Amino acid sequence: MTGDGLTGQQRQNICQVLARFPAVRGARLYGSRALGRYRPGSDIDLALEGDIDLATLNRISLALDDLLLPYEIDLSIFGQIDNPKLRDHIQPVGRLFYQQNEPSKHLESPNRADKISG
């Protein structure tokens, strides 16, 4: 496990699901898991980057549910977040979790310099 409380296998499984959806260009982990302040049962907050509509978001959510992880996964589309405080939190705190065409690039190192585009 890393500072986010997820195993490498759990991260890999989530990334494999995201890779099945070409509209997803990237994903950032934010919230308590990105900050290392998670508790047992804390959800996994992911902000997705890409040209993602609500139907695709729903399909991604269902596919992630099929993983039967012991955590709820809270998905958002970064470009559609209206709450400026949430966007301002994700920008500096969000940790790269998945990047399209780079399946091995997921939370191996907490590179906070990579900004998610909106």
N, C-alpha and C. Protein backbone atom coordinates (compact mmCIF):
# COMPACT_ATOMS: atom_id res chain seq x y z
N MET A 1 0.84 -1.19 0.00
CA MET A 1 0.00 0.00 0.00
C MET A 1 0.87 1.24 0.00
N THR A 2 0.31 2.32 -0.54
CA THR A 2 0.99 3.61 -0.52
C THR A 2 0.25 4.51 0.44
N GLY A 3 0.58 5.78 0.46
CA GLY A 3 -0.03 6.73 1.37
C GLY A 3 -1.51 6.97 1.14
N ASP A 4 -2.07 6.35 0.11
CA ASP A 4 -3.50 6.52 -0.17
C ASP A 4 -4.34 5.36 0.35
N GLY A 5 -3.70 4.34 0.89
CA GLY A 5 -4.42 3.21 1.44
C GLY A 5 -4.90 2.19 0.43
N LEU A 6 -4.53 2.34 -0.82
CA LEU A 6 -4.92 1.39 -1.86
C LEU A 6 -3.75 0.48 -2.20
N THR A 7 -4.06 -0.75 -2.52
CA THR A 7 -3.00 -1.66 -2.95
C THR A 7 -2.68 -1.39 -4.42
N GLY A 8 -1.53 -1.85 -4.85
CA GLY A 8 -1.16 -1.73 -6.26
C GLY A 8 -2.17 -2.42 -7.16
N GLN A 9 -2.68 -3.56 -6.72
CA GLN A 9 -3.67 -4.30 -7.51
C GLN A 9 -4.97 -3.50 -7.63
N GLN A 10 -5.39 -2.85 -6.56
CA GLN A 10 -6.61 -2.04 -6.62
C GLN A 10 -6.44 -0.88 -7.59
N ARG A 11 -5.30 -0.19 -7.51
CA ARG A 11 -5.04 0.92 -8.45
C ARG A 11 -5.00 0.40 -9.88
N GLN A 12 -4.33 -0.73 -10.09
CA GLN A 12 -4.23 -1.29 -11.44
C GLN A 12 -5.62 -1.64 -11.98
N ASN A 13 -6.46 -2.23 -11.15
CA ASN A 13 -7.81 -2.59 -11.60
C ASN A 13 -8.62 -1.36 -11.98
N ILE A 14 -8.52 -0.31 -11.18
CA ILE A 14 -9.24 0.92 -11.49
C ILE A 14 -8.72 1.51 -12.81
N CYS A 15 -7.40 1.54 -12.97
CA CYS A 15 -6.81 2.09 -14.20
C CYS A 15 -7.22 1.27 -15.42
N GLN A 16 -7.31 -0.04 -15.28
CA GLN A 16 -7.74 -0.88 -16.40
C GLN A 16 -9.17 -0.56 -16.82
N VAL A 17 -10.03 -0.28 -15.86
CA VAL A 17 -11.39 0.13 -16.20
C VAL A 17 -11.37 1.46 -16.93
N LEU A 18 -10.64 2.44 -16.41
CA LEU A 18 -10.59 3.75 -17.05
C LEU A 18 -10.03 3.65 -18.47
N ALA A 19 -9.07 2.77 -18.69
CA ALA A 19 -8.46 2.60 -20.01
C ALA A 19 -9.45 2.07 -21.04
N ARG A 20 -10.52 1.44 -20.60
CA ARG A 20 -11.53 0.92 -21.53
C ARG A 20 -12.40 2.03 -22.12
N PHE A 21 -12.26 3.25 -21.61
CA PHE A 21 -13.09 4.36 -22.07
C PHE A 21 -12.19 5.41 -22.72
N PRO A 22 -12.16 5.46 -24.07
CA PRO A 22 -11.26 6.38 -24.77
C PRO A 22 -11.48 7.85 -24.43
N ALA A 23 -12.68 8.20 -23.98
CA ALA A 23 -12.96 9.60 -23.64
C ALA A 23 -12.19 10.05 -22.40
N VAL A 24 -11.75 9.11 -21.58
CA VAL A 24 -11.02 9.46 -20.35
C VAL A 24 -9.54 9.65 -20.69
N ARG A 25 -9.09 10.90 -20.64
CA ARG A 25 -7.69 11.21 -20.92
C ARG A 25 -6.82 11.10 -19.67
N GLY A 26 -7.44 11.30 -18.51
CA GLY A 26 -6.68 11.24 -17.27
C GLY A 26 -7.60 11.23 -16.07
N ALA A 27 -7.02 10.95 -14.92
CA ALA A 27 -7.77 10.96 -13.67
C ALA A 27 -6.84 11.38 -12.54
N ARG A 28 -7.37 12.17 -11.63
CA ARG A 28 -6.63 12.60 -10.46
C ARG A 28 -7.34 12.15 -9.20
N LEU A 29 -6.57 11.65 -8.27
CA LEU A 29 -7.07 11.30 -6.95
C LEU A 29 -6.99 12.56 -6.09
N TYR A 30 -8.08 12.87 -5.40
CA TYR A 30 -8.07 14.03 -4.51
C TYR A 30 -8.78 13.66 -3.21
N GLY A 31 -8.90 14.61 -2.32
CA GLY A 31 -9.58 14.35 -1.05
C GLY A 31 -8.65 13.68 -0.05
N SER A 32 -9.26 13.00 0.91
CA SER A 32 -8.50 12.44 2.04
C SER A 32 -7.45 11.44 1.60
N ARG A 33 -7.71 10.68 0.56
CA ARG A 33 -6.72 9.69 0.12
C ARG A 33 -5.50 10.36 -0.51
N ALA A 34 -5.71 11.44 -1.24
CA ALA A 34 -4.57 12.16 -1.83
C ALA A 34 -3.75 12.85 -0.75
N LEU A 35 -4.42 13.26 0.32
CA LEU A 35 -3.73 13.95 1.40
C LEU A 35 -3.12 13.00 2.43
N GLY A 36 -3.41 11.70 2.29
CA GLY A 36 -2.90 10.73 3.25
C GLY A 36 -3.65 10.76 4.57
N ARG A 37 -4.86 11.34 4.57
CA ARG A 37 -5.67 11.44 5.79
C ARG A 37 -6.91 10.55 5.73
N TYR A 38 -6.84 9.53 4.94
CA TYR A 38 -7.99 8.63 4.79
C TYR A 38 -8.19 7.82 6.06
N ARG A 39 -9.39 7.29 6.19
CA ARG A 39 -9.74 6.39 7.29
C ARG A 39 -10.23 5.09 6.68
N PRO A 40 -10.33 4.04 7.46
CA PRO A 40 -10.88 2.80 6.90
C PRO A 40 -12.26 3.08 6.30
N GLY A 41 -12.46 2.67 5.09
CA GLY A 41 -13.73 2.88 4.42
C GLY A 41 -13.86 4.22 3.72
N SER A 42 -12.83 5.07 3.77
CA SER A 42 -12.91 6.35 3.05
C SER A 42 -13.13 6.10 1.57
N ASP A 43 -13.92 6.97 0.96
CA ASP A 43 -14.18 6.79 -0.47
C ASP A 43 -12.95 7.18 -1.28
N ILE A 44 -13.01 6.86 -2.56
CA ILE A 44 -11.95 7.19 -3.51
C ILE A 44 -12.50 8.30 -4.39
N ASP A 45 -11.95 9.51 -4.26
CA ASP A 45 -12.40 10.65 -5.05
C ASP A 45 -11.54 10.77 -6.29
N LEU A 46 -12.16 10.65 -7.46
CA LEU A 46 -11.43 10.76 -8.72
C LEU A 46 -12.06 11.84 -9.60
N ALA A 47 -11.24 12.76 -10.07
CA ALA A 47 -11.67 13.77 -11.04
C ALA A 47 -11.16 13.31 -12.40
N LEU A 48 -12.09 13.11 -13.32
CA LEU A 48 -11.74 12.61 -14.65
C LEU A 48 -11.54 13.77 -15.60
N GLU A 49 -10.59 13.63 -16.50
CA GLU A 49 -10.31 14.62 -17.53
C GLU A 49 -10.65 14.00 -18.88
N GLY A 50 -11.28 14.77 -19.72
CA GLY A 50 -11.59 14.30 -21.07
C GLY A 50 -12.95 14.78 -21.51
N ASP A 51 -13.32 14.38 -22.70
CA ASP A 51 -14.62 14.73 -23.28
C ASP A 51 -15.62 13.66 -22.86
N ILE A 52 -16.07 13.75 -21.63
CA ILE A 52 -16.88 12.71 -21.00
C ILE A 52 -18.29 13.24 -20.78
N ASP A 53 -19.27 12.53 -21.31
CA ASP A 53 -20.65 12.92 -21.05
C ASP A 53 -21.20 12.11 -19.88
N LEU A 54 -22.41 12.46 -19.44
CA LEU A 54 -22.97 11.79 -18.27
C LEU A 54 -23.26 10.32 -18.51
N ALA A 55 -23.62 9.95 -19.74
CA ALA A 55 -23.87 8.53 -20.04
C ALA A 55 -22.57 7.73 -19.90
N THR A 56 -21.47 8.29 -20.39
CA THR A 56 -20.18 7.62 -20.26
C THR A 56 -19.76 7.55 -18.79
N LEU A 57 -19.98 8.64 -18.07
CA LEU A 57 -19.66 8.65 -16.64
C LEU A 57 -20.42 7.54 -15.91
N ASN A 58 -21.68 7.36 -16.26
CA ASN A 58 -22.49 6.31 -15.65
C ASN A 58 -21.92 4.92 -15.99
N ARG A 59 -21.51 4.71 -17.24
CA ARG A 59 -20.94 3.42 -17.64
C ARG A 59 -19.62 3.15 -16.90
N ILE A 60 -18.82 4.19 -16.73
CA ILE A 60 -17.57 4.05 -15.98
C ILE A 60 -17.88 3.68 -14.53
N SER A 61 -18.84 4.36 -13.96
CA SER A 61 -19.22 4.09 -12.57
C SER A 61 -19.68 2.65 -12.39
N LEU A 62 -20.50 2.16 -13.31
CA LEU A 62 -20.97 0.78 -13.24
C LEU A 62 -19.82 -0.22 -13.38
N ALA A 63 -18.90 0.08 -14.30
CA ALA A 63 -17.75 -0.81 -14.49
C ALA A 63 -16.87 -0.84 -13.24
N LEU A 64 -16.70 0.31 -12.60
CA LEU A 64 -15.92 0.35 -11.37
C LEU A 64 -16.63 -0.39 -10.24
N ASP A 65 -17.95 -0.28 -10.19
CA ASP A 65 -18.72 -1.03 -9.19
C ASP A 65 -18.51 -2.53 -9.35
N ASP A 66 -18.36 -2.97 -10.58
CA ASP A 66 -18.15 -4.41 -10.85
C ASP A 66 -16.84 -4.93 -10.26
N LEU A 67 -15.91 -4.03 -9.92
CA LEU A 67 -14.65 -4.45 -9.31
C LEU A 67 -14.85 -4.96 -7.89
N LEU A 68 -15.98 -4.61 -7.31
CA LEU A 68 -16.32 -5.04 -5.94
C LEU A 68 -15.26 -4.62 -4.92
N LEU A 69 -14.75 -3.40 -5.10
CA LEU A 69 -13.79 -2.88 -4.13
C LEU A 69 -14.52 -2.55 -2.83
N PRO A 70 -13.82 -2.58 -1.71
CA PRO A 70 -14.48 -2.27 -0.44
C PRO A 70 -14.64 -0.77 -0.19
N TYR A 71 -14.53 0.03 -1.25
CA TYR A 71 -14.64 1.48 -1.13
C TYR A 71 -15.61 2.01 -2.18
N GLU A 72 -16.31 3.07 -1.83
CA GLU A 72 -17.13 3.78 -2.81
C GLU A 72 -16.19 4.65 -3.64
N ILE A 73 -16.46 4.72 -4.94
CA ILE A 73 -15.65 5.58 -5.81
C ILE A 73 -16.53 6.74 -6.24
N ASP A 74 -16.10 7.94 -5.89
CA ASP A 74 -16.82 9.17 -6.21
C ASP A 74 -16.17 9.79 -7.44
N LEU A 75 -16.87 9.75 -8.56
CA LEU A 75 -16.34 10.27 -9.82
C LEU A 75 -16.89 11.66 -10.10
N SER A 76 -16.05 12.50 -10.65
CA SER A 76 -16.49 13.79 -11.16
C SER A 76 -15.75 14.07 -12.46
N ILE A 77 -16.35 14.91 -13.28
CA ILE A 77 -15.71 15.34 -14.52
C ILE A 77 -15.11 16.71 -14.23
N PHE A 78 -13.79 16.80 -14.24
CA PHE A 78 -13.13 18.03 -13.79
C PHE A 78 -13.65 19.26 -14.52
N GLY A 79 -13.80 19.19 -15.82
CA GLY A 79 -14.25 20.34 -16.60
C GLY A 79 -15.68 20.76 -16.32
N GLN A 80 -16.43 19.94 -15.62
CA GLN A 80 -17.83 20.26 -15.32
C GLN A 80 -18.06 20.57 -13.84
N ILE A 81 -16.99 20.69 -13.08
CA ILE A 81 -17.13 21.04 -11.66
C ILE A 81 -17.39 22.54 -11.55
N ASP A 82 -18.55 22.88 -11.01
CA ASP A 82 -18.94 24.29 -10.88
C ASP A 82 -18.44 24.92 -9.59
N ASN A 83 -18.14 24.11 -8.60
CA ASN A 83 -17.73 24.62 -7.29
C ASN A 83 -16.27 25.07 -7.35
N PRO A 84 -16.02 26.40 -7.28
CA PRO A 84 -14.64 26.88 -7.40
C PRO A 84 -13.73 26.37 -6.27
N LYS A 85 -14.28 26.18 -5.08
CA LYS A 85 -13.45 25.69 -3.97
C LYS A 85 -12.99 24.26 -4.24
N LEU A 86 -13.86 23.45 -4.81
CA LEU A 86 -13.48 22.07 -5.13
C LEU A 86 -12.42 22.06 -6.23
N ARG A 87 -12.62 22.87 -7.27
CA ARG A 87 -11.62 22.95 -8.34
C ARG A 87 -10.27 23.42 -7.78
N ASP A 88 -10.33 24.41 -6.88
CA ASP A 88 -9.10 24.94 -6.28
C ASP A 88 -8.42 23.91 -5.38
N HIS A 89 -9.19 22.99 -4.82
CA HIS A 89 -8.61 21.91 -4.01
C HIS A 89 -7.94 20.87 -4.91
N ILE A 90 -8.62 20.52 -5.99
CA ILE A 90 -8.11 19.45 -6.86
C ILE A 90 -6.82 19.88 -7.55
N GLN A 91 -6.73 21.14 -7.96
CA GLN A 91 -5.54 21.59 -8.70
C GLN A 91 -4.24 21.33 -7.94
N PRO A 92 -4.09 21.81 -6.70
CA PRO A 92 -2.80 21.58 -6.04
C PRO A 92 -2.68 20.23 -5.33
N VAL A 93 -3.80 19.67 -4.91
CA VAL A 93 -3.77 18.46 -4.09
C VAL A 93 -3.90 17.20 -4.93
N GLY A 94 -4.63 17.29 -6.03
CA GLY A 94 -4.90 16.12 -6.85
C GLY A 94 -3.62 15.44 -7.32
N ARG A 95 -3.59 14.12 -7.16
CA ARG A 95 -2.42 13.32 -7.57
C ARG A 95 -2.77 12.52 -8.80
N LEU A 96 -1.87 12.55 -9.77
CA LEU A 96 -2.10 11.80 -10.99
C LEU A 96 -2.35 10.34 -10.66
N PHE A 97 -3.47 9.83 -11.12
CA PHE A 97 -3.85 8.44 -10.85
C PHE A 97 -3.80 7.61 -12.13
N TYR A 98 -4.25 8.21 -13.23
CA TYR A 98 -4.30 7.51 -14.52
C TYR A 98 -4.06 8.53 -15.61
N GLN A 99 -3.31 8.12 -16.62
CA GLN A 99 -3.12 8.95 -17.80
C GLN A 99 -3.24 8.06 -19.03
N GLN A 100 -4.11 8.46 -19.94
CA GLN A 100 -4.35 7.68 -21.16
C GLN A 100 -3.03 7.46 -21.90
N ASN A 101 -2.89 6.28 -22.46
CA ASN A 101 -1.70 5.88 -23.23
C ASN A 101 -0.45 5.72 -22.37
N GLU A 102 -0.59 5.84 -21.07
CA GLU A 102 0.51 5.57 -20.15
C GLU A 102 -0.05 4.76 -18.99
N PRO A 103 -0.45 3.51 -19.26
CA PRO A 103 -1.14 2.73 -18.23
C PRO A 103 -0.32 2.50 -16.97
N SER A 104 0.99 2.59 -17.07
CA SER A 104 1.79 2.35 -15.87
C SER A 104 1.93 3.60 -15.01
N LYS A 105 1.44 4.74 -15.52
CA LYS A 105 1.59 5.99 -14.79
C LYS A 105 0.40 6.18 -13.86
N HIS A 106 0.50 5.64 -12.68
CA HIS A 106 -0.56 5.81 -11.69
C HIS A 106 0.04 5.82 -10.30
N LEU A 107 -0.02 6.90 -9.67
CA LEU A 107 0.35 7.08 -8.27
C LEU A 107 1.63 6.40 -7.83
N GLU A 108 2.53 6.14 -8.74
CA GLU A 108 3.81 5.59 -8.31
C GLU A 108 4.59 6.66 -7.55
N SER A 109 4.44 7.89 -8.00
CA SER A 109 5.04 9.01 -7.29
C SER A 109 4.02 10.13 -7.24
N PRO A 110 3.92 10.82 -6.13
CA PRO A 110 2.91 11.87 -6.00
C PRO A 110 3.36 13.14 -6.70
N ASN A 111 3.23 13.20 -8.02
CA ASN A 111 3.66 14.35 -8.79
C ASN A 111 2.54 15.37 -8.83
N ARG A 112 2.60 16.31 -7.95
CA ARG A 112 1.54 17.31 -7.87
C ARG A 112 1.76 18.45 -8.85
N ALA A 113 2.91 18.48 -9.53
CA ALA A 113 3.18 19.54 -10.48
C ALA A 113 2.34 19.38 -11.74
N ASP A 114 1.93 18.16 -12.05
CA ASP A 114 1.11 17.93 -13.23
C ASP A 114 -0.29 18.46 -12.97
N LYS A 115 -0.69 19.47 -13.70
CA LYS A 115 -2.01 20.07 -13.52
C LYS A 115 -3.01 19.38 -14.43
N ILE A 116 -4.21 19.25 -13.94
CA ILE A 116 -5.29 18.72 -14.75
C ILE A 116 -5.89 19.90 -15.50
N SER A 117 -6.18 19.72 -16.76
CA SER A 117 -6.73 20.82 -17.54
C SER A 117 -8.23 20.86 -17.38
N GLY A 118 -8.78 22.01 -17.51
CA GLY A 118 -10.21 22.13 -17.32
C GLY A 118 -10.85 22.57 -18.55
